[in-house]
Amino acid sequence: MSQAQGISSGDPDPLGPGETSPRPDSGPGPESGSAPSAERRPAGELESTVLAALWAADTPLTPGQVQGALGAPLARTTVTTILTRLYEKGTVARTRSGRGFAYTPTEDAPGLTARRMHSELQKEEDRSTVLARFVSQLTDEDEQLLRELLDGDAR
């Protein structure tokens, strides 16, 4: 599932916030003998994990198949909710499969990252400053690659 690395981000991206584990309770802490409270998952983590499972499959998957591919203790209803959210955002497509749906990603991981970058750029009125700051923070290798891409010389 290494394709999912690097695509999880905060709330502003097109993927939106991910599912979270239960909020820590405000009851007594571990020092009083109770179990430690659950930690929140980073925003978008479950959506990224579900997308990685879909990218790894060579066929559309039902929520039950995604659940099995994840190997994580997630309820099928949770997986269905994540897939529905991804569908509403246009990140996955769905086709009828029995009484439910089977899902497939609408683009690969690099395409999704490019879409997120474009979405962030669209939010700014001063696009030239945003682009200038982005370029100024590139490594020398990435700057050279960008120059080649802009000149039409790259791959």
N, C-alpha and C. Protein backbone atom coordinates (compact mmCIF):
# COMPACT_ATOMS: atom_id res chain seq x y z
N MET A 1 0.81 -1.19 0.00
CA MET A 1 0.00 0.00 0.00
C MET A 1 0.85 1.25 0.00
N SER A 2 2.04 1.16 -0.54
CA SER A 2 2.94 2.30 -0.52
C SER A 2 2.44 3.44 -1.39
N GLN A 3 1.52 3.17 -2.33
CA GLN A 3 1.01 4.25 -3.17
C GLN A 3 0.23 5.27 -2.37
N ALA A 4 -0.28 4.90 -1.23
CA ALA A 4 -1.07 5.83 -0.43
C ALA A 4 -0.19 6.79 0.34
N GLN A 5 1.10 6.49 0.46
CA GLN A 5 1.97 7.37 1.19
C GLN A 5 2.06 8.70 0.49
N GLY A 6 2.05 9.76 1.28
CA GLY A 6 2.22 11.08 0.72
C GLY A 6 0.97 11.71 0.16
N ILE A 7 -0.17 11.03 0.22
CA ILE A 7 -1.36 11.68 -0.31
C ILE A 7 -2.32 12.10 0.79
N SER A 8 -2.05 11.68 2.00
CA SER A 8 -2.91 12.10 3.10
C SER A 8 -2.57 13.53 3.47
N SER A 9 -3.58 14.35 3.64
CA SER A 9 -3.33 15.73 3.99
C SER A 9 -4.45 16.25 4.84
N GLY A 10 -4.40 17.50 5.15
CA GLY A 10 -5.41 18.12 5.99
C GLY A 10 -6.73 18.31 5.28
N ASP A 11 -7.66 18.89 5.97
CA ASP A 11 -9.03 19.06 5.53
C ASP A 11 -9.22 19.81 4.22
N PRO A 12 -8.38 20.80 3.83
CA PRO A 12 -8.67 21.59 2.64
C PRO A 12 -8.57 20.86 1.31
N ASP A 13 -7.99 19.67 1.23
CA ASP A 13 -7.81 19.03 -0.06
C ASP A 13 -9.10 18.39 -0.56
N PRO A 14 -9.15 18.02 -1.84
CA PRO A 14 -10.36 17.44 -2.41
C PRO A 14 -10.79 16.14 -1.75
N LEU A 15 -9.89 15.47 -1.07
CA LEU A 15 -10.30 14.26 -0.39
C LEU A 15 -11.07 14.57 0.88
N GLY A 16 -10.87 15.71 1.47
CA GLY A 16 -11.58 16.10 2.68
C GLY A 16 -11.07 15.33 3.88
N PRO A 17 -11.70 15.50 5.01
CA PRO A 17 -11.25 14.83 6.22
C PRO A 17 -11.54 13.35 6.19
N GLY A 18 -10.69 12.57 6.83
CA GLY A 18 -10.91 11.13 6.90
C GLY A 18 -11.69 10.76 8.12
N GLU A 19 -11.98 9.48 8.20
CA GLU A 19 -12.66 8.98 9.38
C GLU A 19 -11.69 9.08 10.55
N THR A 20 -12.20 9.20 11.73
CA THR A 20 -11.35 9.23 12.91
C THR A 20 -11.81 8.17 13.88
N SER A 21 -10.89 7.75 14.72
CA SER A 21 -11.26 6.82 15.77
C SER A 21 -11.99 7.61 16.85
N PRO A 22 -12.60 6.94 17.78
CA PRO A 22 -13.37 7.66 18.79
C PRO A 22 -12.53 8.72 19.49
N ARG A 23 -13.19 9.81 19.86
CA ARG A 23 -12.49 10.88 20.56
C ARG A 23 -12.09 10.39 21.94
N PRO A 24 -10.94 10.88 22.41
CA PRO A 24 -10.57 10.50 23.77
C PRO A 24 -11.66 10.98 24.74
N ASP A 25 -11.97 10.13 25.71
CA ASP A 25 -12.99 10.56 26.66
C ASP A 25 -12.38 11.53 27.67
N SER A 26 -13.22 12.22 28.37
CA SER A 26 -12.73 13.20 29.32
C SER A 26 -12.72 12.63 30.73
N GLY A 27 -12.87 11.32 30.81
CA GLY A 27 -12.90 10.66 32.11
C GLY A 27 -11.51 10.55 32.70
N PRO A 28 -11.38 9.74 33.72
CA PRO A 28 -10.11 9.58 34.41
C PRO A 28 -9.04 9.05 33.48
N GLY A 29 -7.83 9.48 33.67
CA GLY A 29 -6.70 9.09 32.84
C GLY A 29 -6.08 7.79 33.32
N PRO A 30 -4.99 7.38 32.65
CA PRO A 30 -4.33 6.12 32.98
C PRO A 30 -3.85 6.06 34.43
N GLU A 31 -3.56 7.23 35.00
CA GLU A 31 -3.04 7.21 36.36
C GLU A 31 -4.08 6.70 37.36
N SER A 32 -5.38 6.74 37.02
CA SER A 32 -6.39 6.25 37.93
C SER A 32 -6.78 4.80 37.62
N GLY A 33 -6.04 4.17 36.72
CA GLY A 33 -6.27 2.78 36.43
C GLY A 33 -7.09 2.49 35.20
N SER A 34 -7.64 3.51 34.52
CA SER A 34 -8.42 3.26 33.31
C SER A 34 -7.49 3.09 32.12
N ALA A 35 -8.02 2.52 31.05
CA ALA A 35 -7.23 2.31 29.83
C ALA A 35 -6.93 3.64 29.17
N PRO A 36 -5.79 3.75 28.45
CA PRO A 36 -5.48 4.99 27.73
C PRO A 36 -6.54 5.26 26.67
N SER A 37 -6.82 6.52 26.41
CA SER A 37 -7.83 6.88 25.43
C SER A 37 -7.29 6.70 24.01
N ALA A 38 -8.22 6.55 23.05
CA ALA A 38 -7.85 6.33 21.65
C ALA A 38 -7.27 7.60 21.04
N GLU A 39 -6.38 7.41 20.09
CA GLU A 39 -5.77 8.52 19.36
C GLU A 39 -6.57 8.78 18.10
N ARG A 40 -6.63 10.05 17.68
CA ARG A 40 -7.29 10.39 16.42
C ARG A 40 -6.39 10.02 15.26
N ARG A 41 -7.01 9.56 14.18
CA ARG A 41 -6.25 9.28 12.96
C ARG A 41 -6.00 10.60 12.25
N PRO A 42 -4.88 10.71 11.54
CA PRO A 42 -4.67 11.93 10.74
C PRO A 42 -5.77 12.08 9.69
N ALA A 43 -6.11 13.31 9.37
CA ALA A 43 -7.16 13.58 8.38
C ALA A 43 -6.83 12.91 7.06
N GLY A 44 -7.79 12.21 6.50
CA GLY A 44 -7.63 11.59 5.19
C GLY A 44 -6.95 10.24 5.21
N GLU A 45 -6.53 9.75 6.37
CA GLU A 45 -5.80 8.49 6.44
C GLU A 45 -6.60 7.31 5.91
N LEU A 46 -7.84 7.18 6.35
CA LEU A 46 -8.65 6.04 5.89
C LEU A 46 -8.98 6.16 4.41
N GLU A 47 -9.26 7.38 3.94
CA GLU A 47 -9.54 7.55 2.51
C GLU A 47 -8.31 7.16 1.70
N SER A 48 -7.13 7.55 2.16
CA SER A 48 -5.90 7.19 1.45
C SER A 48 -5.69 5.69 1.43
N THR A 49 -5.98 5.04 2.55
CA THR A 49 -5.82 3.59 2.64
C THR A 49 -6.80 2.87 1.72
N VAL A 50 -8.03 3.34 1.69
CA VAL A 50 -9.04 2.75 0.80
C VAL A 50 -8.63 2.95 -0.66
N LEU A 51 -8.15 4.14 -1.01
CA LEU A 51 -7.70 4.39 -2.38
C LEU A 51 -6.53 3.47 -2.74
N ALA A 52 -5.61 3.26 -1.81
CA ALA A 52 -4.48 2.37 -2.09
C ALA A 52 -4.96 0.96 -2.40
N ALA A 53 -5.98 0.50 -1.68
CA ALA A 53 -6.54 -0.84 -1.94
C ALA A 53 -7.17 -0.88 -3.33
N LEU A 54 -7.87 0.19 -3.71
CA LEU A 54 -8.49 0.23 -5.04
C LEU A 54 -7.43 0.29 -6.14
N TRP A 55 -6.36 1.08 -5.92
CA TRP A 55 -5.28 1.16 -6.91
C TRP A 55 -4.59 -0.19 -7.09
N ALA A 56 -4.45 -0.95 -6.01
CA ALA A 56 -3.77 -2.24 -6.08
C ALA A 56 -4.61 -3.29 -6.80
N ALA A 57 -5.92 -3.10 -6.83
CA ALA A 57 -6.82 -4.06 -7.48
C ALA A 57 -6.86 -3.80 -8.98
N ASP A 58 -7.02 -4.86 -9.75
CA ASP A 58 -7.13 -4.69 -11.20
C ASP A 58 -8.58 -4.76 -11.66
N THR A 59 -9.49 -4.63 -10.71
CA THR A 59 -10.91 -4.71 -11.00
C THR A 59 -11.66 -3.88 -9.96
N PRO A 60 -12.87 -3.42 -10.28
CA PRO A 60 -13.65 -2.70 -9.26
C PRO A 60 -13.90 -3.59 -8.04
N LEU A 61 -13.94 -2.96 -6.86
CA LEU A 61 -14.14 -3.69 -5.62
C LEU A 61 -15.41 -3.23 -4.91
N THR A 62 -16.10 -4.19 -4.30
CA THR A 62 -17.24 -3.87 -3.45
C THR A 62 -16.71 -3.44 -2.08
N PRO A 63 -17.54 -2.80 -1.26
CA PRO A 63 -17.07 -2.44 0.09
C PRO A 63 -16.55 -3.65 0.88
N GLY A 64 -17.20 -4.80 0.75
CA GLY A 64 -16.73 -6.00 1.44
C GLY A 64 -15.36 -6.44 0.96
N GLN A 65 -15.12 -6.33 -0.36
CA GLN A 65 -13.81 -6.70 -0.90
C GLN A 65 -12.74 -5.70 -0.46
N VAL A 66 -13.09 -4.42 -0.40
CA VAL A 66 -12.14 -3.42 0.09
C VAL A 66 -11.81 -3.71 1.54
N GLN A 67 -12.83 -4.01 2.33
CA GLN A 67 -12.63 -4.32 3.74
C GLN A 67 -11.66 -5.50 3.87
N GLY A 68 -11.85 -6.53 3.09
CA GLY A 68 -10.95 -7.69 3.12
C GLY A 68 -9.53 -7.34 2.69
N ALA A 69 -9.41 -6.48 1.68
CA ALA A 69 -8.09 -6.09 1.19
C ALA A 69 -7.33 -5.25 2.21
N LEU A 70 -8.06 -4.49 3.00
CA LEU A 70 -7.41 -3.63 3.99
C LEU A 70 -6.81 -4.45 5.14
N GLY A 71 -7.47 -5.54 5.49
CA GLY A 71 -6.98 -6.34 6.60
C GLY A 71 -6.99 -5.60 7.92
N ALA A 72 -7.70 -4.49 7.99
CA ALA A 72 -7.80 -3.70 9.21
C ALA A 72 -9.15 -3.97 9.86
N PRO A 73 -9.24 -3.77 11.15
CA PRO A 73 -10.51 -4.02 11.83
C PRO A 73 -11.51 -2.88 11.63
N LEU A 74 -11.93 -2.69 10.39
CA LEU A 74 -12.93 -1.66 10.07
C LEU A 74 -14.25 -2.33 9.74
N ALA A 75 -15.32 -1.74 10.20
CA ALA A 75 -16.64 -2.25 9.87
C ALA A 75 -16.93 -2.01 8.39
N ARG A 76 -17.70 -2.91 7.77
CA ARG A 76 -18.05 -2.74 6.36
C ARG A 76 -18.80 -1.43 6.16
N THR A 77 -19.61 -1.04 7.13
CA THR A 77 -20.35 0.23 7.00
C THR A 77 -19.41 1.42 6.98
N THR A 78 -18.31 1.34 7.72
CA THR A 78 -17.31 2.41 7.70
C THR A 78 -16.66 2.49 6.32
N VAL A 79 -16.30 1.34 5.76
CA VAL A 79 -15.71 1.30 4.43
C VAL A 79 -16.70 1.85 3.41
N THR A 80 -17.97 1.47 3.53
CA THR A 80 -19.00 1.97 2.61
C THR A 80 -19.13 3.49 2.71
N THR A 81 -19.09 4.02 3.92
CA THR A 81 -19.16 5.47 4.11
C THR A 81 -17.98 6.17 3.44
N ILE A 82 -16.79 5.64 3.62
CA ILE A 82 -15.59 6.23 3.00
C ILE A 82 -15.72 6.20 1.48
N LEU A 83 -16.14 5.05 0.93
CA LEU A 83 -16.29 4.93 -0.52
C LEU A 83 -17.36 5.90 -1.04
N THR A 84 -18.44 6.06 -0.31
CA THR A 84 -19.50 6.99 -0.72
C THR A 84 -18.97 8.42 -0.74
N ARG A 85 -18.20 8.80 0.26
CA ARG A 85 -17.60 10.13 0.29
C ARG A 85 -16.64 10.34 -0.88
N LEU A 86 -15.83 9.34 -1.15
CA LEU A 86 -14.91 9.44 -2.29
C LEU A 86 -15.67 9.55 -3.61
N TYR A 87 -16.78 8.83 -3.71
CA TYR A 87 -17.62 8.91 -4.91
C TYR A 87 -18.20 10.32 -5.06
N GLU A 88 -18.71 10.88 -3.97
CA GLU A 88 -19.30 12.22 -4.02
C GLU A 88 -18.27 13.29 -4.40
N LYS A 89 -17.01 13.04 -4.11
CA LYS A 89 -15.93 13.98 -4.44
C LYS A 89 -15.37 13.73 -5.84
N GLY A 90 -15.83 12.67 -6.50
CA GLY A 90 -15.34 12.36 -7.84
C GLY A 90 -14.02 11.62 -7.86
N THR A 91 -13.59 11.14 -6.72
CA THR A 91 -12.31 10.45 -6.63
C THR A 91 -12.42 8.99 -7.06
N VAL A 92 -13.61 8.41 -6.91
CA VAL A 92 -13.86 7.04 -7.38
C VAL A 92 -15.15 7.04 -8.20
N ALA A 93 -15.25 6.06 -9.08
CA ALA A 93 -16.49 5.83 -9.85
C ALA A 93 -17.11 4.55 -9.29
N ARG A 94 -18.40 4.39 -9.51
CA ARG A 94 -19.05 3.17 -9.03
C ARG A 94 -19.97 2.60 -10.10
N THR A 95 -20.09 1.29 -10.06
CA THR A 95 -20.99 0.58 -10.95
C THR A 95 -21.83 -0.36 -10.10
N ARG A 96 -23.02 -0.65 -10.56
CA ARG A 96 -23.93 -1.53 -9.83
C ARG A 96 -23.30 -2.92 -9.76
N SER A 97 -23.35 -3.52 -8.58
CA SER A 97 -22.84 -4.88 -8.37
C SER A 97 -23.80 -5.56 -7.41
N GLY A 98 -24.71 -6.35 -7.94
CA GLY A 98 -25.73 -6.97 -7.10
C GLY A 98 -26.64 -5.89 -6.53
N ARG A 99 -26.83 -5.92 -5.22
CA ARG A 99 -27.67 -4.92 -4.57
C ARG A 99 -26.90 -3.67 -4.18
N GLY A 100 -25.58 -3.70 -4.36
CA GLY A 100 -24.74 -2.57 -3.98
C GLY A 100 -23.92 -2.05 -5.14
N PHE A 101 -22.75 -1.55 -4.84
CA PHE A 101 -21.87 -0.98 -5.85
C PHE A 101 -20.47 -1.54 -5.74
N ALA A 102 -19.76 -1.48 -6.85
CA ALA A 102 -18.32 -1.77 -6.89
C ALA A 102 -17.64 -0.47 -7.30
N TYR A 103 -16.49 -0.22 -6.72
CA TYR A 103 -15.82 1.07 -6.88
C TYR A 103 -14.46 0.92 -7.55
N THR A 104 -14.10 1.93 -8.32
CA THR A 104 -12.79 1.99 -8.97
C THR A 104 -12.29 3.43 -8.92
N PRO A 105 -11.00 3.65 -8.76
CA PRO A 105 -10.48 5.03 -8.71
C PRO A 105 -10.61 5.71 -10.06
N THR A 106 -10.83 7.02 -10.05
CA THR A 106 -10.96 7.76 -11.30
C THR A 106 -9.60 8.20 -11.84
N GLU A 107 -8.57 8.17 -11.00
CA GLU A 107 -7.22 8.49 -11.44
C GLU A 107 -6.20 7.82 -10.54
N ASP A 108 -4.95 7.78 -11.00
CA ASP A 108 -3.90 7.16 -10.21
C ASP A 108 -3.38 8.14 -9.15
N ALA A 109 -2.45 7.68 -8.32
CA ALA A 109 -1.94 8.50 -7.21
C ALA A 109 -1.31 9.81 -7.70
N PRO A 110 -0.46 9.79 -8.73
CA PRO A 110 0.10 11.06 -9.21
C PRO A 110 -0.99 12.01 -9.74
N GLY A 111 -2.00 11.46 -10.39
CA GLY A 111 -3.09 12.29 -10.89
C GLY A 111 -3.87 12.93 -9.77
N LEU A 112 -4.09 12.18 -8.69
CA LEU A 112 -4.79 12.73 -7.54
C LEU A 112 -3.98 13.83 -6.86
N THR A 113 -2.67 13.61 -6.74
CA THR A 113 -1.81 14.63 -6.14
C THR A 113 -1.82 15.90 -6.99
N ALA A 114 -1.75 15.75 -8.30
CA ALA A 114 -1.80 16.92 -9.19
C ALA A 114 -3.12 17.65 -9.05
N ARG A 115 -4.21 16.90 -8.94
CA ARG A 115 -5.52 17.52 -8.76
C ARG A 115 -5.59 18.31 -7.46
N ARG A 116 -5.02 17.76 -6.39
CA ARG A 116 -5.00 18.47 -5.11
C ARG A 116 -4.17 19.73 -5.20
N MET A 117 -3.03 19.68 -5.87
CA MET A 117 -2.18 20.86 -6.04
C MET A 117 -2.93 21.94 -6.81
N HIS A 118 -3.61 21.53 -7.86
CA HIS A 118 -4.38 22.47 -8.67
C HIS A 118 -5.51 23.10 -7.86
N SER A 119 -6.16 22.29 -7.05
CA SER A 119 -7.26 22.77 -6.21
C SER A 119 -6.76 23.83 -5.22
N GLU A 120 -5.60 23.59 -4.63
CA GLU A 120 -5.03 24.57 -3.69
C GLU A 120 -4.69 25.87 -4.42
N LEU A 121 -4.14 25.77 -5.61
CA LEU A 121 -3.78 26.96 -6.38
C LEU A 121 -5.02 27.78 -6.74
N GLN A 122 -6.12 27.10 -7.05
CA GLN A 122 -7.35 27.80 -7.41
C GLN A 122 -7.93 28.61 -6.25
N LYS A 123 -7.57 28.27 -5.03
CA LYS A 123 -8.10 28.98 -3.86
C LYS A 123 -7.48 30.35 -3.66
N GLU A 124 -6.37 30.62 -4.30
CA GLU A 124 -5.63 31.86 -4.09
C GLU A 124 -5.88 32.86 -5.21
N GLU A 125 -6.07 34.12 -4.82
CA GLU A 125 -6.20 35.18 -5.82
C GLU A 125 -4.85 35.54 -6.41
N ASP A 126 -3.80 35.54 -5.58
CA ASP A 126 -2.46 35.92 -6.02
C ASP A 126 -1.68 34.67 -6.42
N ARG A 127 -2.08 34.09 -7.55
CA ARG A 127 -1.48 32.84 -8.01
C ARG A 127 0.00 32.98 -8.32
N SER A 128 0.41 34.13 -8.82
CA SER A 128 1.83 34.30 -9.18
C SER A 128 2.72 34.22 -7.94
N THR A 129 2.27 34.77 -6.82
CA THR A 129 3.06 34.69 -5.59
C THR A 129 3.11 33.26 -5.08
N VAL A 130 1.98 32.56 -5.15
CA VAL A 130 1.94 31.17 -4.70
C VAL A 130 2.90 30.33 -5.55
N LEU A 131 2.82 30.48 -6.87
CA LEU A 131 3.70 29.72 -7.76
C LEU A 131 5.16 30.09 -7.54
N ALA A 132 5.44 31.37 -7.36
CA ALA A 132 6.82 31.80 -7.13
C ALA A 132 7.38 31.18 -5.85
N ARG A 133 6.59 31.16 -4.81
CA ARG A 133 7.04 30.57 -3.55
C ARG A 133 7.19 29.06 -3.66
N PHE A 134 6.29 28.43 -4.41
CA PHE A 134 6.40 26.99 -4.63
C PHE A 134 7.71 26.67 -5.34
N VAL A 135 7.99 27.38 -6.42
CA VAL A 135 9.19 27.13 -7.21
C VAL A 135 10.45 27.43 -6.39
N SER A 136 10.40 28.48 -5.56
CA SER A 136 11.58 28.84 -4.77
C SER A 136 11.92 27.76 -3.74
N GLN A 137 10.96 26.91 -3.40
CA GLN A 137 11.20 25.87 -2.41
C GLN A 137 11.53 24.51 -3.03
N LEU A 138 11.59 24.43 -4.36
CA LEU A 138 11.92 23.18 -5.02
C LEU A 138 13.40 22.85 -4.84
N THR A 139 13.71 21.57 -4.82
CA THR A 139 15.11 21.16 -4.84
C THR A 139 15.67 21.47 -6.22
N ASP A 140 16.98 21.48 -6.35
CA ASP A 140 17.59 21.73 -7.66
C ASP A 140 17.13 20.70 -8.69
N GLU A 141 17.00 19.45 -8.26
CA GLU A 141 16.58 18.38 -9.18
C GLU A 141 15.13 18.60 -9.64
N ASP A 142 14.25 18.97 -8.69
CA ASP A 142 12.85 19.21 -9.05
C ASP A 142 12.71 20.45 -9.92
N GLU A 143 13.52 21.46 -9.65
CA GLU A 143 13.48 22.67 -10.48
C GLU A 143 13.90 22.36 -11.91
N GLN A 144 14.94 21.53 -12.06
CA GLN A 144 15.40 21.14 -13.39
C GLN A 144 14.32 20.33 -14.11
N LEU A 145 13.68 19.42 -13.38
CA LEU A 145 12.60 18.62 -13.97
C LEU A 145 11.45 19.51 -14.41
N LEU A 146 11.08 20.48 -13.59
CA LEU A 146 10.01 21.40 -13.95
C LEU A 146 10.38 22.19 -15.19
N ARG A 147 11.64 22.65 -15.28
CA ARG A 147 12.08 23.37 -16.48
C ARG A 147 11.94 22.50 -17.73
N GLU A 148 12.35 21.24 -17.60
CA GLU A 148 12.25 20.31 -18.73
C GLU A 148 10.81 20.07 -19.12
N LEU A 149 9.94 19.93 -18.13
CA LEU A 149 8.52 19.73 -18.42
C LEU A 149 7.92 20.94 -19.12
N LEU A 150 8.26 22.13 -18.66
CA LEU A 150 7.74 23.34 -19.27
C LEU A 150 8.27 23.55 -20.68
N ASP A 151 9.50 23.10 -20.92
CA ASP A 151 10.09 23.21 -22.26
C ASP A 151 9.67 22.06 -23.18
N GLY A 152 8.97 21.08 -22.62
CA GLY A 152 8.54 19.95 -23.42
C GLY A 152 9.62 18.93 -23.65
N ASP A 153 10.71 18.98 -22.86
CA ASP A 153 11.83 18.08 -23.05
C ASP A 153 11.80 16.85 -22.17
N ALA A 154 10.95 16.84 -21.17
CA ALA A 154 10.96 15.72 -20.22
C ALA A 154 10.13 14.56 -20.74
N ARG A 155 10.51 13.38 -20.35
CA ARG A 155 9.84 12.10 -20.61
C ARG A 155 8.66 12.29 -21.46
